[in-house]
Amino acid sequence: VAGLALTGTLLTGCTSGPDPAPPAPPRDSGVPASG
């Protein structure tokens, strides 16, 4: 947490438990440009 503070908004979305980020190939093509 202390190290990432140096990179500003990289901290957004950090969680306190195991990372729930299993990949999902492929993505839905309807992802908005800002999503």
ModelCIF file with pLDDT and N, C-alpha, C, O atoms, coordinates in Angstrom:
data_MODEL
#
_entry.id   MODEL 
#
_entity.id                         1 
_entity.type                       polymer 
_entity.pdbx_number_of_molecules   1 
#
_entity_poly.entity_id                      1 
_entity_poly.type                           'polypeptide(L)' 
_entity_poly.nstd_linkage                   no 
_entity_poly.nstd_monomer                   no 
_entity_poly.pdbx_seq_one_letter_code       VAGLALTGTLLTGCTSGPDPAPPAPPRDSGVPASG 
_entity_poly.pdbx_seq_one_letter_code_can   VAGLALTGTLLTGCTSGPDPAPPAPPRDSGVPASG 
_entity_poly.pdbx_strand_id                 A 
#
loop_
_entity_poly_seq.entity_id 
_entity_poly_seq.num 
_entity_poly_seq.mon_id 
_entity_poly_seq.hetero 
1 1  VAL n 
1 2  ALA n 
1 3  GLY n 
1 4  LEU n 
1 5  ALA n 
1 6  LEU n 
1 7  THR n 
1 8  GLY n 
1 9  THR n 
1 10 LEU n 
1 11 LEU n 
1 12 THR n 
1 13 GLY n 
1 14 CYS n 
1 15 THR n 
1 16 SER n 
1 17 GLY n 
1 18 PRO n 
1 19 ASP n 
1 20 PRO n 
1 21 ALA n 
1 22 PRO n 
1 23 PRO n 
1 24 ALA n 
1 25 PRO n 
1 26 PRO n 
1 27 ARG n 
1 28 ASP n 
1 29 SER n 
1 30 GLY n 
1 31 VAL n 
1 32 PRO n 
1 33 ALA n 
1 34 SER n 
1 35 GLY n 
#
_struct_asym.id          A 
_struct_asym.entity_id   1 
#
loop_
_ma_qa_metric.id 
_ma_qa_metric.mode 
_ma_qa_metric.name 
_ma_qa_metric.software_group_id 
_ma_qa_metric.type 
1 global pLDDT . pLDDT 
2 local  pLDDT . pLDDT 
#
_ma_qa_metric_global.metric_id      1 
_ma_qa_metric_global.metric_value   36.03 
_ma_qa_metric_global.model_id       1 
_ma_qa_metric_global.ordinal_id     1 
#
loop_
_ma_qa_metric_local.label_asym_id 
_ma_qa_metric_local.label_comp_id 
_ma_qa_metric_local.label_seq_id 
_ma_qa_metric_local.metric_id 
_ma_qa_metric_local.metric_value 
_ma_qa_metric_local.model_id 
_ma_qa_metric_local.ordinal_id 
A VAL 1  2 32.00 1 1  
A ALA 2  2 33.00 1 2  
A GLY 3  2 34.00 1 3  
A LEU 4  2 33.00 1 4  
A ALA 5  2 34.00 1 5  
A LEU 6  2 35.00 1 6  
A THR 7  2 39.00 1 7  
A GLY 8  2 38.00 1 8  
A THR 9  2 37.00 1 9  
A LEU 10 2 37.00 1 10 
A LEU 11 2 33.00 1 11 
A THR 12 2 33.00 1 12 
A GLY 13 2 33.00 1 13 
A CYS 14 2 34.00 1 14 
A THR 15 2 33.00 1 15 
A SER 16 2 31.00 1 16 
A GLY 17 2 34.00 1 17 
A PRO 18 2 33.00 1 18 
A ASP 19 2 36.00 1 19 
A PRO 20 2 35.00 1 20 
A ALA 21 2 37.00 1 21 
A PRO 22 2 37.00 1 22 
A PRO 23 2 40.00 1 23 
A ALA 24 2 37.00 1 24 
A PRO 25 2 36.00 1 25 
A PRO 26 2 36.00 1 26 
A ARG 27 2 36.00 1 27 
A ASP 28 2 33.00 1 28 
A SER 29 2 34.00 1 29 
A GLY 30 2 35.00 1 30 
A VAL 31 2 38.00 1 31 
A PRO 32 2 42.00 1 32 
A ALA 33 2 45.00 1 33 
A SER 34 2 42.00 1 34 
A GLY 35 2 46.00 1 35 
#
loop_
_atom_site.group_PDB 
_atom_site.id 
_atom_site.type_symbol 
_atom_site.label_atom_id 
_atom_site.label_alt_id 
_atom_site.label_comp_id 
_atom_site.label_asym_id 
_atom_site.label_entity_id 
_atom_site.label_seq_id 
_atom_site.pdbx_PDB_ins_code 
_atom_site.Cartn_x 
_atom_site.Cartn_y 
_atom_site.Cartn_z 
_atom_site.occupancy 
_atom_site.B_iso_or_equiv 
_atom_site.pdbx_formal_charge 
_atom_site.auth_seq_id 
_atom_site.auth_comp_id 
_atom_site.auth_asym_id 
_atom_site.auth_atom_id 
_atom_site.pdbx_PDB_model_num 
ATOM 1   N N  . VAL A 1 1  ? 0.836   -1.195  0.000   1.00 32.00 ? 1  VAL A N  1 
ATOM 2   C CA . VAL A 1 1  ? 0.000   0.000   0.000   1.00 32.00 ? 1  VAL A CA 1 
ATOM 3   C C  . VAL A 1 1  ? 0.872   1.247   0.000   1.00 32.00 ? 1  VAL A C  1 
ATOM 4   O O  . VAL A 1 1  ? 0.593   2.207   -0.719  1.00 32.00 ? 1  VAL A O  1 
ATOM 5   N N  . ALA A 1 2  ? 1.930   1.231   0.809   1.00 33.00 ? 2  ALA A N  1 
ATOM 6   C CA . ALA A 1 2  ? 2.827   2.385   0.845   1.00 33.00 ? 2  ALA A CA 1 
ATOM 7   C C  . ALA A 1 2  ? 3.545   2.559   -0.475  1.00 33.00 ? 2  ALA A C  1 
ATOM 8   O O  . ALA A 1 2  ? 3.710   3.686   -0.944  1.00 33.00 ? 2  ALA A O  1 
ATOM 9   N N  . GLY A 1 3  ? 3.978   1.462   -1.086  1.00 34.00 ? 3  GLY A N  1 
ATOM 10  C CA . GLY A 1 3  ? 4.699   1.561   -2.351  1.00 34.00 ? 3  GLY A CA 1 
ATOM 11  C C  . GLY A 1 3  ? 3.824   2.066   -3.471  1.00 34.00 ? 3  GLY A C  1 
ATOM 12  O O  . GLY A 1 3  ? 4.277   2.862   -4.293  1.00 34.00 ? 3  GLY A O  1 
ATOM 13  N N  . LEU A 1 4  ? 2.558   1.616   -3.529  1.00 33.00 ? 4  LEU A N  1 
ATOM 14  C CA . LEU A 1 4  ? 1.690   2.008   -4.627  1.00 33.00 ? 4  LEU A CA 1 
ATOM 15  C C  . LEU A 1 4  ? 1.223   3.439   -4.520  1.00 33.00 ? 4  LEU A C  1 
ATOM 16  O O  . LEU A 1 4  ? 0.817   4.033   -5.518  1.00 33.00 ? 4  LEU A O  1 
ATOM 17  N N  . ALA A 1 5  ? 1.272   4.003   -3.327  1.00 34.00 ? 5  ALA A N  1 
ATOM 18  C CA . ALA A 1 5  ? 0.851   5.386   -3.195  1.00 34.00 ? 5  ALA A CA 1 
ATOM 19  C C  . ALA A 1 5  ? 1.668   6.303   -4.084  1.00 34.00 ? 5  ALA A C  1 
ATOM 20  O O  . ALA A 1 5  ? 1.197   7.370   -4.479  1.00 34.00 ? 5  ALA A O  1 
ATOM 21  N N  . LEU A 1 6  ? 2.897   5.895   -4.404  1.00 35.00 ? 6  LEU A N  1 
ATOM 22  C CA . LEU A 1 6  ? 3.752   6.707   -5.266  1.00 35.00 ? 6  LEU A CA 1 
ATOM 23  C C  . LEU A 1 6  ? 3.215   6.803   -6.671  1.00 35.00 ? 6  LEU A C  1 
ATOM 24  O O  . LEU A 1 6  ? 3.539   7.750   -7.388  1.00 35.00 ? 6  LEU A O  1 
ATOM 25  N N  . THR A 1 7  ? 2.397   5.844   -7.090  1.00 39.00 ? 7  THR A N  1 
ATOM 26  C CA . THR A 1 7  ? 1.908   5.845   -8.465  1.00 39.00 ? 7  THR A CA 1 
ATOM 27  C C  . THR A 1 7  ? 0.497   6.391   -8.580  1.00 39.00 ? 7  THR A C  1 
ATOM 28  O O  . THR A 1 7  ? -0.159  6.185   -9.601  1.00 39.00 ? 7  THR A O  1 
ATOM 29  N N  . GLY A 1 8  ? 0.023   7.072   -7.569  1.00 38.00 ? 8  GLY A N  1 
ATOM 30  C CA . GLY A 1 8  ? -1.262  7.752   -7.666  1.00 38.00 ? 8  GLY A CA 1 
ATOM 31  C C  . GLY A 1 8  ? -2.407  6.792   -7.812  1.00 38.00 ? 8  GLY A C  1 
ATOM 32  O O  . GLY A 1 8  ? -2.612  5.937   -6.950  1.00 38.00 ? 8  GLY A O  1 
ATOM 33  N N  . THR A 1 9  ? -3.169  6.913   -8.900  1.00 37.00 ? 9  THR A N  1 
ATOM 34  C CA . THR A 1 9  ? -4.406  6.183   -9.051  1.00 37.00 ? 9  THR A CA 1 
ATOM 35  C C  . THR A 1 9  ? -4.229  4.700   -9.276  1.00 37.00 ? 9  THR A C  1 
ATOM 36  O O  . THR A 1 9  ? -5.225  3.992   -9.420  1.00 37.00 ? 9  THR A O  1 
ATOM 37  N N  . LEU A 1 10 ? -3.022  4.199   -9.312  1.00 37.00 ? 10 LEU A N  1 
ATOM 38  C CA . LEU A 1 10 ? -2.851  2.752   -9.381  1.00 37.00 ? 10 LEU A CA 1 
ATOM 39  C C  . LEU A 1 10 ? -3.462  2.056   -8.185  1.00 37.00 ? 10 LEU A C  1 
ATOM 40  O O  . LEU A 1 10 ? -3.758  0.863   -8.254  1.00 37.00 ? 10 LEU A O  1 
ATOM 41  N N  . LEU A 1 11 ? -3.663  2.784   -7.073  1.00 33.00 ? 11 LEU A N  1 
ATOM 42  C CA . LEU A 1 11 ? -4.231  2.166   -5.891  1.00 33.00 ? 11 LEU A CA 1 
ATOM 43  C C  . LEU A 1 11 ? -5.701  1.841   -6.061  1.00 33.00 ? 11 LEU A C  1 
ATOM 44  O O  . LEU A 1 11 ? -6.224  0.974   -5.360  1.00 33.00 ? 11 LEU A O  1 
ATOM 45  N N  . THR A 1 12 ? -6.369  2.506   -6.961  1.00 33.00 ? 12 THR A N  1 
ATOM 46  C CA . THR A 1 12 ? -7.794  2.303   -7.118  1.00 33.00 ? 12 THR A CA 1 
ATOM 47  C C  . THR A 1 12 ? -8.115  0.840   -7.351  1.00 33.00 ? 12 THR A C  1 
ATOM 48  O O  . THR A 1 12 ? -7.546  0.207   -8.240  1.00 33.00 ? 12 THR A O  1 
ATOM 49  N N  . GLY A 1 13 ? -9.022  0.305   -6.557  1.00 33.00 ? 13 GLY A N  1 
ATOM 50  C CA . GLY A 1 13 ? -9.467  -1.060  -6.762  1.00 33.00 ? 13 GLY A CA 1 
ATOM 51  C C  . GLY A 1 13 ? -8.715  -2.089  -5.971  1.00 33.00 ? 13 GLY A C  1 
ATOM 52  O O  . GLY A 1 13 ? -8.986  -3.277  -6.145  1.00 33.00 ? 13 GLY A O  1 
ATOM 53  N N  . CYS A 1 14 ? -7.763  -1.714  -5.090  1.00 34.00 ? 14 CYS A N  1 
ATOM 54  C CA . CYS A 1 14 ? -7.061  -2.702  -4.284  1.00 34.00 ? 14 CYS A CA 1 
ATOM 55  C C  . CYS A 1 14 ? -8.033  -3.362  -3.321  1.00 34.00 ? 14 CYS A C  1 
ATOM 56  O O  . CYS A 1 14 ? -8.933  -2.703  -2.800  1.00 34.00 ? 14 CYS A O  1 
ATOM 57  N N  . THR A 1 15 ? -7.866  -4.632  -3.082  1.00 33.00 ? 15 THR A N  1 
ATOM 58  C CA . THR A 1 15 ? -8.698  -5.362  -2.141  1.00 33.00 ? 15 THR A CA 1 
ATOM 59  C C  . THR A 1 15 ? -7.835  -5.906  -1.033  1.00 33.00 ? 15 THR A C  1 
ATOM 60  O O  . THR A 1 15 ? -6.611  -5.960  -1.157  1.00 33.00 ? 15 THR A O  1 
ATOM 61  N N  . SER A 1 16 ? -8.472  -6.314  0.059   1.00 31.00 ? 16 SER A N  1 
ATOM 62  C CA . SER A 1 16 ? -7.711  -6.790  1.201   1.00 31.00 ? 16 SER A CA 1 
ATOM 63  C C  . SER A 1 16 ? -7.603  -8.297  1.244   1.00 31.00 ? 16 SER A C  1 
ATOM 64  O O  . SER A 1 16 ? -6.802  -8.826  2.015   1.00 31.00 ? 16 SER A O  1 
ATOM 65  N N  . GLY A 1 17 ? -8.372  -9.002  0.451   1.00 34.00 ? 17 GLY A N  1 
ATOM 66  C CA . GLY A 1 17 ? -8.318  -10.451 0.456   1.00 34.00 ? 17 GLY A CA 1 
ATOM 67  C C  . GLY A 1 17 ? -7.637  -10.976 -0.777  1.00 34.00 ? 17 GLY A C  1 
ATOM 68  O O  . GLY A 1 17 ? -6.994  -10.209 -1.494  1.00 34.00 ? 17 GLY A O  1 
ATOM 69  N N  . PRO A 1 18 ? -7.759  -12.293 -1.057  1.00 33.00 ? 18 PRO A N  1 
ATOM 70  C CA . PRO A 1 18 ? -7.168  -12.868 -2.266  1.00 33.00 ? 18 PRO A CA 1 
ATOM 71  C C  . PRO A 1 18 ? -7.725  -12.180 -3.493  1.00 33.00 ? 18 PRO A C  1 
ATOM 72  O O  . PRO A 1 18 ? -8.917  -11.880 -3.561  1.00 33.00 ? 18 PRO A O  1 
ATOM 73  N N  . ASP A 1 19 ? -6.870  -11.932 -4.455  1.00 36.00 ? 19 ASP A N  1 
ATOM 74  C CA . ASP A 1 19 ? -7.293  -11.203 -5.648  1.00 36.00 ? 19 ASP A CA 1 
ATOM 75  C C  . ASP A 1 19 ? -8.258  -12.047 -6.468  1.00 36.00 ? 19 ASP A C  1 
ATOM 76  O O  . ASP A 1 19 ? -7.928  -13.171 -6.848  1.00 36.00 ? 19 ASP A O  1 
ATOM 77  N N  . PRO A 1 20 ? -9.441  -11.522 -6.744  1.00 35.00 ? 20 PRO A N  1 
ATOM 78  C CA . PRO A 1 20 ? -10.447 -12.302 -7.465  1.00 35.00 ? 20 PRO A CA 1 
ATOM 79  C C  . PRO A 1 20 ? -10.363 -12.100 -8.954  1.00 35.00 ? 20 PRO A C  1 
ATOM 80  O O  . PRO A 1 20 ? -11.398 -11.983 -9.611  1.00 35.00 ? 20 PRO A O  1 
ATOM 81  N N  . ALA A 1 21 ? -9.163  -12.054 -9.518  1.00 37.00 ? 21 ALA A N  1 
ATOM 82  C CA . ALA A 1 21 ? -9.017  -11.626 -10.906 1.00 37.00 ? 21 ALA A CA 1 
ATOM 83  C C  . ALA A 1 21 ? -8.713  -12.750 -11.859 1.00 37.00 ? 21 ALA A C  1 
ATOM 84  O O  . ALA A 1 21 ? -7.815  -12.607 -12.688 1.00 37.00 ? 21 ALA A O  1 
ATOM 85  N N  . PRO A 1 22 ? -9.423  -13.877 -11.785 1.00 37.00 ? 22 PRO A N  1 
ATOM 86  C CA . PRO A 1 22 ? -9.184  -14.874 -12.810 1.00 37.00 ? 22 PRO A CA 1 
ATOM 87  C C  . PRO A 1 22 ? -9.550  -14.285 -14.155 1.00 37.00 ? 22 PRO A C  1 
ATOM 88  O O  . PRO A 1 22 ? -10.530 -13.546 -14.257 1.00 37.00 ? 22 PRO A O  1 
ATOM 89  N N  . PRO A 1 23 ? -8.800  -14.587 -15.170 1.00 40.00 ? 23 PRO A N  1 
ATOM 90  C CA . PRO A 1 23 ? -9.030  -13.975 -16.476 1.00 40.00 ? 23 PRO A CA 1 
ATOM 91  C C  . PRO A 1 23 ? -10.313 -14.468 -17.102 1.00 40.00 ? 23 PRO A C  1 
ATOM 92  O O  . PRO A 1 23 ? -10.873 -15.488 -16.701 1.00 40.00 ? 23 PRO A O  1 
ATOM 93  N N  . ALA A 1 24 ? -10.761 -13.732 -18.080 1.00 37.00 ? 24 ALA A N  1 
ATOM 94  C CA . ALA A 1 24 ? -11.995 -14.119 -18.749 1.00 37.00 ? 24 ALA A CA 1 
ATOM 95  C C  . ALA A 1 24 ? -11.842 -13.956 -20.239 1.00 37.00 ? 24 ALA A C  1 
ATOM 96  O O  . ALA A 1 24 ? -12.486 -13.086 -20.825 1.00 37.00 ? 24 ALA A O  1 
ATOM 97  N N  . PRO A 1 25 ? -11.020 -14.754 -20.872 1.00 36.00 ? 25 PRO A N  1 
ATOM 98  C CA . PRO A 1 25 ? -10.898 -14.629 -22.328 1.00 36.00 ? 25 PRO A CA 1 
ATOM 99  C C  . PRO A 1 25 ? -12.105 -15.235 -22.988 1.00 36.00 ? 25 PRO A C  1 
ATOM 100 O O  . PRO A 1 25 ? -12.528 -16.317 -22.579 1.00 36.00 ? 25 PRO A O  1 
ATOM 101 N N  . PRO A 1 26 ? -12.674 -14.615 -23.965 1.00 36.00 ? 26 PRO A N  1 
ATOM 102 C CA . PRO A 1 26 ? -12.410 -13.247 -24.381 1.00 36.00 ? 26 PRO A CA 1 
ATOM 103 C C  . PRO A 1 26 ? -13.418 -12.289 -23.771 1.00 36.00 ? 26 PRO A C  1 
ATOM 104 O O  . PRO A 1 26 ? -14.390 -12.739 -23.163 1.00 36.00 ? 26 PRO A O  1 
ATOM 105 N N  . ARG A 1 27 ? -13.217 -10.956 -23.915 1.00 36.00 ? 27 ARG A N  1 
ATOM 106 C CA . ARG A 1 27 ? -14.112 -9.971  -23.330 1.00 36.00 ? 27 ARG A CA 1 
ATOM 107 C C  . ARG A 1 27 ? -15.360 -9.785  -24.170 1.00 36.00 ? 27 ARG A C  1 
ATOM 108 O O  . ARG A 1 27 ? -15.401 -10.120 -25.354 1.00 36.00 ? 27 ARG A O  1 
ATOM 109 N N  . ASP A 1 28 ? -16.380 -9.237  -23.514 1.00 33.00 ? 28 ASP A N  1 
ATOM 110 C CA . ASP A 1 28 ? -17.572 -8.829  -24.227 1.00 33.00 ? 28 ASP A CA 1 
ATOM 111 C C  . ASP A 1 28 ? -17.248 -7.591  -25.054 1.00 33.00 ? 28 ASP A C  1 
ATOM 112 O O  . ASP A 1 28 ? -16.615 -6.657  -24.562 1.00 33.00 ? 28 ASP A O  1 
ATOM 113 N N  . SER A 1 29 ? -17.683 -7.587  -26.310 1.00 34.00 ? 29 SER A N  1 
ATOM 114 C CA . SER A 1 29 ? -17.312 -6.491  -27.203 1.00 34.00 ? 29 SER A CA 1 
ATOM 115 C C  . SER A 1 29 ? -18.038 -5.204  -26.881 1.00 34.00 ? 29 SER A C  1 
ATOM 116 O O  . SER A 1 29 ? -17.747 -4.161  -27.466 1.00 34.00 ? 29 SER A O  1 
ATOM 117 N N  . GLY A 1 30 ? -18.977 -5.265  -25.958 1.00 35.00 ? 30 GLY A N  1 
ATOM 118 C CA . GLY A 1 30 ? -19.723 -4.061  -25.634 1.00 35.00 ? 30 GLY A CA 1 
ATOM 119 C C  . GLY A 1 30 ? -19.105 -3.223  -24.542 1.00 35.00 ? 30 GLY A C  1 
ATOM 120 O O  . GLY A 1 30 ? -19.746 -2.295  -24.048 1.00 35.00 ? 30 GLY A O  1 
ATOM 121 N N  . VAL A 1 31 ? -17.863 -3.522  -24.143 1.00 38.00 ? 31 VAL A N  1 
ATOM 122 C CA . VAL A 1 31 ? -17.211 -2.729  -23.106 1.00 38.00 ? 31 VAL A CA 1 
ATOM 123 C C  . VAL A 1 31 ? -17.130 -1.280  -23.572 1.00 38.00 ? 31 VAL A C  1 
ATOM 124 O O  . VAL A 1 31 ? -16.590 -1.015  -24.646 1.00 38.00 ? 31 VAL A O  1 
ATOM 125 N N  . PRO A 1 32 ? -17.660 -0.329  -22.784 1.00 42.00 ? 32 PRO A N  1 
ATOM 126 C CA . PRO A 1 32 ? -17.579 1.071   -23.215 1.00 42.00 ? 32 PRO A CA 1 
ATOM 127 C C  . PRO A 1 32 ? -16.150 1.555   -23.212 1.00 42.00 ? 32 PRO A C  1 
ATOM 128 O O  . PRO A 1 32 ? -15.280 0.975   -22.562 1.00 42.00 ? 32 PRO A O  1 
ATOM 129 N N  . ALA A 1 33 ? -15.919 2.631   -23.950 1.00 45.00 ? 33 ALA A N  1 
ATOM 130 C CA . ALA A 1 33 ? -14.553 3.129   -24.085 1.00 45.00 ? 33 ALA A CA 1 
ATOM 131 C C  . ALA A 1 33 ? -13.939 3.480   -22.747 1.00 45.00 ? 33 ALA A C  1 
ATOM 132 O O  . ALA A 1 33 ? -12.722 3.389   -22.586 1.00 45.00 ? 33 ALA A O  1 
ATOM 133 N N  . SER A 1 34 ? -14.760 3.883   -21.775 1.00 42.00 ? 34 SER A N  1 
ATOM 134 C CA . SER A 1 34 ? -14.222 4.277   -20.484 1.00 42.00 ? 34 SER A CA 1 
ATOM 135 C C  . SER A 1 34 ? -14.333 3.168   -19.448 1.00 42.00 ? 34 SER A C  1 
ATOM 136 O O  . SER A 1 34 ? -14.136 3.422   -18.260 1.00 42.00 ? 34 SER A O  1 
ATOM 137 N N  . GLY A 1 35 ? -14.646 1.937   -19.870 1.00 46.00 ? 35 GLY A N  1 
ATOM 138 C CA . GLY A 1 35 ? -14.925 0.878   -18.921 1.00 46.00 ? 35 GLY A CA 1 
ATOM 139 C C  . GLY A 1 35 ? -13.728 0.039   -18.539 1.00 46.00 ? 35 GLY A C  1 
ATOM 140 O O  . GLY A 1 35 ? -13.854 -0.888  -17.739 1.00 46.00 ? 35 GLY A O  1 
#
